Amino acid sequence: MDKDVNKYLESVPESRKPHMQKLHSAIIESFPEAIVDMKYRMPTYQVGEGWVAIANQKNYVSLYTCSSEHLSDFKTKYPAIKTGKGCINFRECDNVPVTGVKKVIRKAMLNPKN
C-alpha cells in the first residue's frame, strides 16, 4: 500500500479510526487486487475503471463511489445513515453495516458507469 495512504490512515482522529478501518478492510477484503493510492487527497482504491475512496471529513467519515446508482439499495436499507449523491457519510454514532458497504463497493468496482 502507498506510504501516503498509511500516513493518512494513521492521522485520522482516534474516535474515527474504527470507521476508517472497517471501510478500508471491507474494500481490501472485497478487492485485494485493488490499486491503493492517494487521489483527490484521500485514499482511493481502483480496479479497472471502477473505484471507491474513503475520507475523514469535518463531521463524518465518507465512502465515495463513482455514481449515485451504487447507493440506491443502501439508502433503502439504511435510511438513518446520511448519504450524498455518490457517497455515504458515517457519523461517529453510526454503526458501519459492513455487509451493506461491501455491496456498494462491489457495485462501484464492477459497474463504474452505473
N, C-alpha and C. Protein backbone atom coordinates (compact mmCIF):
# COMPACT_ATOMS: atom_id res chain seq x y z
N MET A 1 0.85 -1.18 0.00
CA MET A 1 0.00 0.00 0.00
C MET A 1 0.89 1.24 0.00
N ASP A 2 0.42 2.25 -0.63
CA ASP A 2 1.11 3.54 -0.75
C ASP A 2 1.42 4.10 0.64
N LYS A 3 2.64 4.59 0.84
CA LYS A 3 3.03 5.13 2.16
C LYS A 3 2.21 6.34 2.55
N ASP A 4 1.77 7.14 1.56
CA ASP A 4 0.93 8.30 1.86
C ASP A 4 -0.45 7.86 2.35
N VAL A 5 -0.94 6.73 1.86
CA VAL A 5 -2.22 6.19 2.34
C VAL A 5 -2.07 5.78 3.80
N ASN A 6 -1.00 5.08 4.12
CA ASN A 6 -0.76 4.70 5.52
C ASN A 6 -0.68 5.93 6.41
N LYS A 7 0.02 6.94 5.96
CA LYS A 7 0.16 8.18 6.73
C LYS A 7 -1.21 8.82 6.96
N TYR A 8 -2.03 8.85 5.92
CA TYR A 8 -3.38 9.41 6.02
C TYR A 8 -4.20 8.64 7.05
N LEU A 9 -4.21 7.31 6.95
CA LEU A 9 -5.00 6.49 7.86
C LEU A 9 -4.52 6.64 9.30
N GLU A 10 -3.22 6.78 9.50
CA GLU A 10 -2.67 6.96 10.84
C GLU A 10 -3.03 8.33 11.42
N SER A 11 -3.26 9.31 10.56
CA SER A 11 -3.54 10.68 11.03
C SER A 11 -5.00 10.91 11.43
N VAL A 12 -5.85 9.95 11.15
CA VAL A 12 -7.27 10.09 11.47
C VAL A 12 -7.44 10.13 13.00
N PRO A 13 -8.30 11.00 13.53
CA PRO A 13 -8.52 11.04 14.98
C PRO A 13 -8.95 9.67 15.52
N GLU A 14 -8.51 9.38 16.74
CA GLU A 14 -8.79 8.07 17.35
C GLU A 14 -10.27 7.70 17.32
N SER A 15 -11.13 8.68 17.53
CA SER A 15 -12.57 8.40 17.57
C SER A 15 -13.13 7.95 16.23
N ARG A 16 -12.40 8.22 15.15
CA ARG A 16 -12.88 7.84 13.81
C ARG A 16 -12.13 6.67 13.21
N LYS A 17 -11.05 6.29 13.83
CA LYS A 17 -10.25 5.17 13.29
C LYS A 17 -11.04 3.89 13.11
N PRO A 18 -11.95 3.53 14.04
CA PRO A 18 -12.71 2.29 13.81
C PRO A 18 -13.51 2.32 12.51
N HIS A 19 -14.15 3.44 12.20
CA HIS A 19 -14.91 3.54 10.95
C HIS A 19 -13.98 3.45 9.74
N MET A 20 -12.88 4.18 9.79
CA MET A 20 -11.93 4.15 8.66
C MET A 20 -11.39 2.74 8.46
N GLN A 21 -11.06 2.06 9.57
CA GLN A 21 -10.52 0.70 9.46
C GLN A 21 -11.56 -0.26 8.89
N LYS A 22 -12.80 -0.13 9.32
CA LYS A 22 -13.86 -1.00 8.79
C LYS A 22 -14.03 -0.79 7.29
N LEU A 23 -14.03 0.46 6.86
CA LEU A 23 -14.19 0.75 5.43
C LEU A 23 -12.99 0.24 4.64
N HIS A 24 -11.79 0.54 5.12
CA HIS A 24 -10.57 0.08 4.45
C HIS A 24 -10.56 -1.44 4.35
N SER A 25 -10.85 -2.11 5.45
CA SER A 25 -10.85 -3.58 5.46
C SER A 25 -11.91 -4.15 4.52
N ALA A 26 -13.10 -3.55 4.51
CA ALA A 26 -14.16 -4.03 3.62
C ALA A 26 -13.74 -3.95 2.15
N ILE A 27 -13.05 -2.87 1.81
CA ILE A 27 -12.59 -2.71 0.42
C ILE A 27 -11.51 -3.74 0.09
N ILE A 28 -10.51 -3.86 0.95
CA ILE A 28 -9.39 -4.78 0.70
C ILE A 28 -9.86 -6.23 0.71
N GLU A 29 -10.78 -6.59 1.61
CA GLU A 29 -11.32 -7.96 1.64
C GLU A 29 -12.09 -8.26 0.36
N SER A 30 -12.82 -7.29 -0.14
CA SER A 30 -13.62 -7.48 -1.36
C SER A 30 -12.77 -7.47 -2.62
N PHE A 31 -11.72 -6.64 -2.63
CA PHE A 31 -10.87 -6.48 -3.81
C PHE A 31 -9.40 -6.38 -3.40
N PRO A 32 -8.79 -7.52 -3.02
CA PRO A 32 -7.39 -7.48 -2.60
C PRO A 32 -6.44 -7.02 -3.71
N GLU A 33 -6.88 -7.11 -4.95
CA GLU A 33 -6.06 -6.70 -6.08
C GLU A 33 -6.16 -5.21 -6.38
N ALA A 34 -6.97 -4.49 -5.64
CA ALA A 34 -7.17 -3.06 -5.89
C ALA A 34 -5.85 -2.28 -5.79
N ILE A 35 -5.69 -1.33 -6.67
CA ILE A 35 -4.57 -0.40 -6.60
C ILE A 35 -4.97 0.67 -5.58
N VAL A 36 -4.14 0.84 -4.57
CA VAL A 36 -4.45 1.77 -3.48
C VAL A 36 -3.45 2.92 -3.54
N ASP A 37 -3.98 4.13 -3.70
CA ASP A 37 -3.11 5.31 -3.68
C ASP A 37 -3.91 6.53 -3.29
N MET A 38 -3.25 7.66 -3.25
CA MET A 38 -3.89 8.92 -2.89
C MET A 38 -4.31 9.65 -4.16
N LYS A 39 -5.61 9.88 -4.29
CA LYS A 39 -6.14 10.71 -5.37
C LYS A 39 -7.10 11.68 -4.71
N TYR A 40 -7.12 12.89 -5.18
CA TYR A 40 -8.00 13.91 -4.60
C TYR A 40 -7.77 14.05 -3.10
N ARG A 41 -6.54 13.81 -2.65
CA ARG A 41 -6.12 13.93 -1.25
C ARG A 41 -6.84 12.98 -0.30
N MET A 42 -7.24 11.80 -0.83
CA MET A 42 -7.86 10.78 0.02
C MET A 42 -7.49 9.40 -0.51
N PRO A 43 -7.47 8.39 0.37
CA PRO A 43 -7.17 7.03 -0.08
C PRO A 43 -8.20 6.56 -1.10
N THR A 44 -7.69 6.12 -2.24
CA THR A 44 -8.54 5.69 -3.34
C THR A 44 -8.15 4.27 -3.74
N TYR A 45 -9.16 3.46 -4.04
CA TYR A 45 -8.98 2.04 -4.35
C TYR A 45 -9.56 1.83 -5.74
N GLN A 46 -8.76 1.28 -6.65
CA GLN A 46 -9.21 1.18 -8.04
C GLN A 46 -8.99 -0.22 -8.59
N VAL A 47 -10.00 -0.69 -9.32
CA VAL A 47 -9.91 -1.94 -10.07
C VAL A 47 -10.45 -1.62 -11.46
N GLY A 48 -9.59 -1.66 -12.46
CA GLY A 48 -10.01 -1.27 -13.81
C GLY A 48 -10.50 0.16 -13.79
N GLU A 49 -11.71 0.39 -14.30
CA GLU A 49 -12.29 1.73 -14.30
C GLU A 49 -13.09 2.03 -13.03
N GLY A 50 -13.34 1.00 -12.23
CA GLY A 50 -14.11 1.19 -11.01
C GLY A 50 -13.24 1.67 -9.87
N TRP A 51 -13.84 2.47 -8.98
CA TRP A 51 -13.08 2.97 -7.84
C TRP A 51 -14.01 3.34 -6.70
N VAL A 52 -13.45 3.35 -5.51
CA VAL A 52 -14.07 3.91 -4.32
C VAL A 52 -12.97 4.66 -3.57
N ALA A 53 -13.37 5.55 -2.69
CA ALA A 53 -12.40 6.30 -1.88
C ALA A 53 -13.00 6.49 -0.49
N ILE A 54 -12.11 6.69 0.49
CA ILE A 54 -12.56 6.98 1.85
C ILE A 54 -11.89 8.26 2.31
N ALA A 55 -12.59 9.00 3.18
CA ALA A 55 -12.03 10.26 3.65
C ALA A 55 -12.56 10.61 5.03
N ASN A 56 -11.70 11.24 5.79
CA ASN A 56 -12.09 11.81 7.07
C ASN A 56 -12.52 13.25 6.81
N GLN A 57 -13.80 13.53 7.01
CA GLN A 57 -14.33 14.87 6.78
C GLN A 57 -14.55 15.57 8.12
N LYS A 58 -15.08 16.77 8.08
CA LYS A 58 -15.25 17.56 9.30
C LYS A 58 -16.17 16.86 10.31
N ASN A 59 -17.30 16.34 9.85
CA ASN A 59 -18.29 15.76 10.76
C ASN A 59 -18.54 14.27 10.59
N TYR A 60 -17.81 13.63 9.71
CA TYR A 60 -18.05 12.21 9.45
C TYR A 60 -16.91 11.60 8.66
N VAL A 61 -17.00 10.28 8.48
CA VAL A 61 -16.08 9.54 7.61
C VAL A 61 -16.90 9.15 6.39
N SER A 62 -16.37 9.36 5.20
CA SER A 62 -17.13 9.13 3.98
C SER A 62 -16.56 8.01 3.13
N LEU A 63 -17.46 7.30 2.48
CA LEU A 63 -17.13 6.33 1.43
C LEU A 63 -17.67 6.93 0.14
N TYR A 64 -16.78 7.20 -0.80
CA TYR A 64 -17.17 7.79 -2.09
C TYR A 64 -17.19 6.71 -3.17
N THR A 65 -18.17 6.82 -4.06
CA THR A 65 -18.23 5.94 -5.23
C THR A 65 -18.32 6.82 -6.48
N CYS A 66 -18.25 6.18 -7.62
CA CYS A 66 -18.24 6.93 -8.87
C CYS A 66 -19.65 7.17 -9.44
N SER A 67 -20.71 6.81 -8.69
CA SER A 67 -22.06 7.04 -9.19
C SER A 67 -23.09 6.90 -8.07
N SER A 68 -24.11 7.71 -8.11
CA SER A 68 -25.19 7.61 -7.12
C SER A 68 -25.98 6.31 -7.26
N GLU A 69 -25.93 5.70 -8.43
CA GLU A 69 -26.63 4.44 -8.67
C GLU A 69 -26.15 3.33 -7.74
N HIS A 70 -24.90 3.42 -7.31
CA HIS A 70 -24.33 2.38 -6.45
C HIS A 70 -24.93 2.41 -5.05
N LEU A 71 -25.60 3.49 -4.69
CA LEU A 71 -26.09 3.68 -3.33
C LEU A 71 -27.58 3.40 -3.16
N SER A 72 -28.32 3.17 -4.23
CA SER A 72 -29.77 3.09 -4.13
C SER A 72 -30.25 2.02 -3.15
N ASP A 73 -29.73 0.82 -3.20
CA ASP A 73 -30.14 -0.24 -2.27
C ASP A 73 -29.72 0.10 -0.85
N PHE A 74 -28.53 0.66 -0.69
CA PHE A 74 -28.04 1.04 0.64
C PHE A 74 -28.95 2.08 1.28
N LYS A 75 -29.33 3.08 0.51
CA LYS A 75 -30.21 4.15 1.03
C LYS A 75 -31.54 3.57 1.51
N THR A 76 -32.07 2.61 0.79
CA THR A 76 -33.34 2.00 1.17
C THR A 76 -33.19 1.17 2.44
N LYS A 77 -32.14 0.41 2.53
CA LYS A 77 -31.94 -0.48 3.66
C LYS A 77 -31.48 0.25 4.93
N TYR A 78 -30.73 1.34 4.78
CA TYR A 78 -30.16 2.07 5.92
C TYR A 78 -30.52 3.56 5.83
N PRO A 79 -31.81 3.90 5.94
CA PRO A 79 -32.22 5.29 5.76
C PRO A 79 -31.69 6.26 6.83
N ALA A 80 -31.29 5.76 7.98
CA ALA A 80 -30.80 6.64 9.04
C ALA A 80 -29.37 7.10 8.80
N ILE A 81 -28.65 6.44 7.88
CA ILE A 81 -27.27 6.82 7.59
C ILE A 81 -27.28 7.85 6.45
N LYS A 82 -26.64 8.97 6.69
CA LYS A 82 -26.63 10.08 5.73
C LYS A 82 -25.88 9.69 4.46
N THR A 83 -26.48 10.02 3.33
CA THR A 83 -25.84 9.79 2.04
C THR A 83 -25.89 11.07 1.22
N GLY A 84 -24.95 11.17 0.28
CA GLY A 84 -24.93 12.27 -0.67
C GLY A 84 -25.19 11.69 -2.05
N LYS A 85 -24.86 12.45 -3.08
CA LYS A 85 -25.09 11.97 -4.45
C LYS A 85 -24.32 10.68 -4.75
N GLY A 86 -23.06 10.64 -4.36
CA GLY A 86 -22.26 9.45 -4.64
C GLY A 86 -21.46 9.00 -3.43
N CYS A 87 -21.96 9.33 -2.22
CA CYS A 87 -21.18 8.99 -1.03
C CYS A 87 -22.08 8.61 0.13
N ILE A 88 -21.48 7.91 1.08
CA ILE A 88 -22.12 7.59 2.35
C ILE A 88 -21.31 8.29 3.42
N ASN A 89 -21.98 8.98 4.32
CA ASN A 89 -21.31 9.74 5.38
C ASN A 89 -21.62 9.11 6.73
N PHE A 90 -20.62 8.48 7.33
CA PHE A 90 -20.80 7.82 8.62
C PHE A 90 -20.39 8.75 9.75
N ARG A 91 -21.36 9.10 10.59
CA ARG A 91 -21.06 9.86 11.80
C ARG A 91 -20.48 8.89 12.83
N GLU A 92 -19.84 9.45 13.84
CA GLU A 92 -19.23 8.60 14.87
C GLU A 92 -20.27 7.73 15.56
N CYS A 93 -21.51 8.21 15.68
CA CYS A 93 -22.55 7.43 16.35
C CYS A 93 -23.16 6.34 15.47
N ASP A 94 -22.89 6.36 14.17
CA ASP A 94 -23.42 5.35 13.25
C ASP A 94 -22.63 4.04 13.34
N ASN A 95 -23.34 2.95 13.20
CA ASN A 95 -22.66 1.67 13.01
C ASN A 95 -22.39 1.52 11.53
N VAL A 96 -21.26 0.96 11.17
CA VAL A 96 -20.93 0.73 9.76
C VAL A 96 -21.45 -0.67 9.40
N PRO A 97 -22.51 -0.76 8.60
CA PRO A 97 -23.05 -2.05 8.21
C PRO A 97 -22.16 -2.67 7.12
N VAL A 98 -21.21 -3.48 7.55
CA VAL A 98 -20.17 -3.98 6.65
C VAL A 98 -20.77 -4.72 5.45
N THR A 99 -21.78 -5.53 5.66
CA THR A 99 -22.39 -6.26 4.55
C THR A 99 -22.96 -5.30 3.51
N GLY A 100 -23.68 -4.28 3.96
CA GLY A 100 -24.23 -3.28 3.04
C GLY A 100 -23.16 -2.49 2.33
N VAL A 101 -22.10 -2.14 3.07
CA VAL A 101 -20.98 -1.40 2.49
C VAL A 101 -20.29 -2.23 1.42
N LYS A 102 -20.10 -3.51 1.68
CA LYS A 102 -19.44 -4.37 0.69
C LYS A 102 -20.26 -4.46 -0.60
N LYS A 103 -21.58 -4.44 -0.49
CA LYS A 103 -22.42 -4.45 -1.70
C LYS A 103 -22.21 -3.18 -2.52
N VAL A 104 -22.13 -2.04 -1.83
CA VAL A 104 -21.87 -0.77 -2.51
C VAL A 104 -20.50 -0.82 -3.19
N ILE A 105 -19.50 -1.31 -2.49
CA ILE A 105 -18.15 -1.40 -3.03
C ILE A 105 -18.13 -2.28 -4.28
N ARG A 106 -18.77 -3.44 -4.20
CA ARG A 106 -18.80 -4.34 -5.37
C ARG A 106 -19.46 -3.67 -6.58
N LYS A 107 -20.59 -2.99 -6.34
CA LYS A 107 -21.26 -2.30 -7.45
C LYS A 107 -20.35 -1.25 -8.06
N ALA A 108 -19.69 -0.47 -7.22
CA ALA A 108 -18.83 0.61 -7.73
C ALA A 108 -17.63 0.07 -8.48
N MET A 109 -17.03 -0.98 -7.99
CA MET A 109 -15.84 -1.54 -8.63
C MET A 109 -16.16 -2.28 -9.92
N LEU A 110 -17.28 -3.00 -9.93
CA LEU A 110 -17.59 -3.85 -11.09
C LEU A 110 -18.46 -3.18 -12.13
N ASN A 111 -19.18 -2.12 -11.75
CA ASN A 111 -20.08 -1.41 -12.68
C ASN A 111 -19.87 0.10 -12.54
N PRO A 112 -18.70 0.60 -12.90
CA PRO A 112 -18.40 2.02 -12.64
C PRO A 112 -19.30 3.00 -13.41
N LYS A 113 -19.88 2.59 -14.50
CA LYS A 113 -20.66 3.51 -15.31
C LYS A 113 -22.06 3.71 -14.76
N ASN A 114 -22.54 2.79 -13.89
CA ASN A 114 -23.89 2.92 -13.32
C ASN A 114 -24.00 2.30 -11.97
